[in-house]
Amino acid sequence: MNIRSKAWGILVDSYPRYLCWRYGMDIGKHCRISWKAHLDKSINPKGIHIGDNTWVLSGAMILAHDHCRSLKDELSRQLIIVQ
């Protein structure tokens, strides 16, 4: 592996840790988050929870709003996943 690949790996691994430190987001281990992904950093960044081994790709938008908390239980009972 060359120096450029090692440097890129360090940058990619450090971005999720930066988001945890700066904004208080809950980000799991071994996550890859694109710098072009849109994460809710203004309204409620502590409401973002990303699980282990998750990739958030370029153009993805993750929002966290306080007023959605009351709907969480109702929506989880009615959720249908279609493959």
Protein backbone atom coordinates (compact mmCIF):
# COMPACT_ATOMS: atom_id res chain seq x y z
CA MET A 1 0.00 0.00 0.00
CA ASN A 2 1.38 3.40 -0.90
CA ILE A 3 1.44 6.59 1.19
CA ARG A 4 -1.53 8.12 -0.62
CA SER A 5 -3.77 5.13 0.16
CA LYS A 6 -2.73 5.16 3.81
CA ALA A 7 -3.40 8.90 4.12
CA TRP A 8 -6.82 8.52 2.48
CA GLY A 9 -7.69 5.66 4.85
CA ILE A 10 -6.80 7.82 7.85
CA LEU A 11 -8.97 10.69 6.58
CA VAL A 12 -11.93 8.42 5.86
CA ASP A 13 -11.72 6.81 9.30
CA SER A 14 -11.35 10.14 11.11
CA TYR A 15 -14.48 11.84 9.66
CA PRO A 16 -17.02 9.79 11.68
CA ARG A 17 -14.96 10.39 14.84
CA TYR A 18 -14.99 14.12 14.07
CA LEU A 19 -18.78 14.10 13.74
CA CYS A 20 -19.08 12.34 17.12
CA TRP A 21 -16.72 14.78 18.79
CA ARG A 22 -17.98 18.02 17.22
CA TYR A 23 -21.73 17.41 16.92
CA GLY A 24 -22.40 14.63 19.43
CA MET A 25 -23.73 12.18 16.83
CA ASP A 26 -23.97 8.50 17.75
CA ILE A 27 -21.94 6.73 15.07
CA GLY A 28 -21.03 3.05 15.32
CA LYS A 29 -17.75 1.32 14.66
CA HIS A 30 -16.31 0.77 11.18
CA CYS A 31 -18.65 3.30 9.51
CA ARG A 32 -17.85 5.08 6.26
CA ILE A 33 -19.52 8.44 5.75
CA SER A 34 -19.10 10.39 2.55
CA TRP A 35 -18.11 14.01 2.94
CA LYS A 36 -20.84 14.79 0.39
CA ALA A 37 -23.57 13.16 2.51
CA HIS A 38 -25.97 15.64 4.10
CA LEU A 39 -26.22 15.09 7.86
CA ASP A 40 -28.48 17.24 10.04
CA LYS A 41 -25.89 19.38 11.81
CA SER A 42 -28.09 22.36 12.65
CA ILE A 43 -31.41 21.30 14.16
CA ASN A 44 -30.65 18.19 16.25
CA PRO A 45 -27.30 16.55 15.45
CA LYS A 46 -27.42 14.48 18.67
CA GLY A 47 -30.53 12.77 17.29
CA ILE A 48 -28.57 11.04 14.53
CA HIS A 49 -27.77 7.40 15.29
CA ILE A 50 -25.82 5.33 12.74
CA GLY A 51 -25.17 1.65 13.44
CA ASP A 52 -21.98 -0.38 13.14
CA ASN A 53 -20.56 -1.23 9.70
CA THR A 54 -22.79 1.31 7.92
CA TRP A 55 -21.90 3.20 4.77
CA VAL A 56 -23.52 6.59 4.14
CA LEU A 57 -22.87 7.39 0.50
CA SER A 58 -22.63 10.65 -1.40
CA GLY A 59 -25.94 12.47 -1.74
CA ALA A 60 -27.60 10.65 1.17
CA MET A 61 -29.58 12.89 3.53
CA ILE A 62 -30.05 12.00 7.20
CA LEU A 63 -32.35 14.26 9.21
CA ALA A 64 -33.16 14.26 12.91
CA HIS A 65 -35.99 16.41 14.21
CA ASP A 66 -37.28 16.66 17.78
CA HIS A 67 -40.95 16.59 16.81
CA CYS A 68 -40.62 13.12 15.25
CA ARG A 69 -39.89 11.41 18.57
CA SER A 70 -43.57 11.04 19.49
CA LEU A 71 -44.25 9.13 16.24
CA LYS A 72 -41.43 6.62 16.63
CA ASP A 73 -43.45 3.87 18.36
CA GLU A 74 -46.44 4.22 16.03
CA LEU A 75 -44.32 4.11 12.89
CA SER A 76 -42.22 1.14 13.98
CA ARG A 77 -45.35 -1.00 14.37
CA GLN A 78 -46.51 -0.21 10.84
CA LEU A 79 -43.18 -0.51 9.04
CA ILE A 80 -43.06 -2.85 6.03
CA ILE A 81 -39.79 -3.66 4.26
CA VAL A 82 -40.12 -4.78 0.63
CA GLN A 83 -37.21 -6.39 -1.18
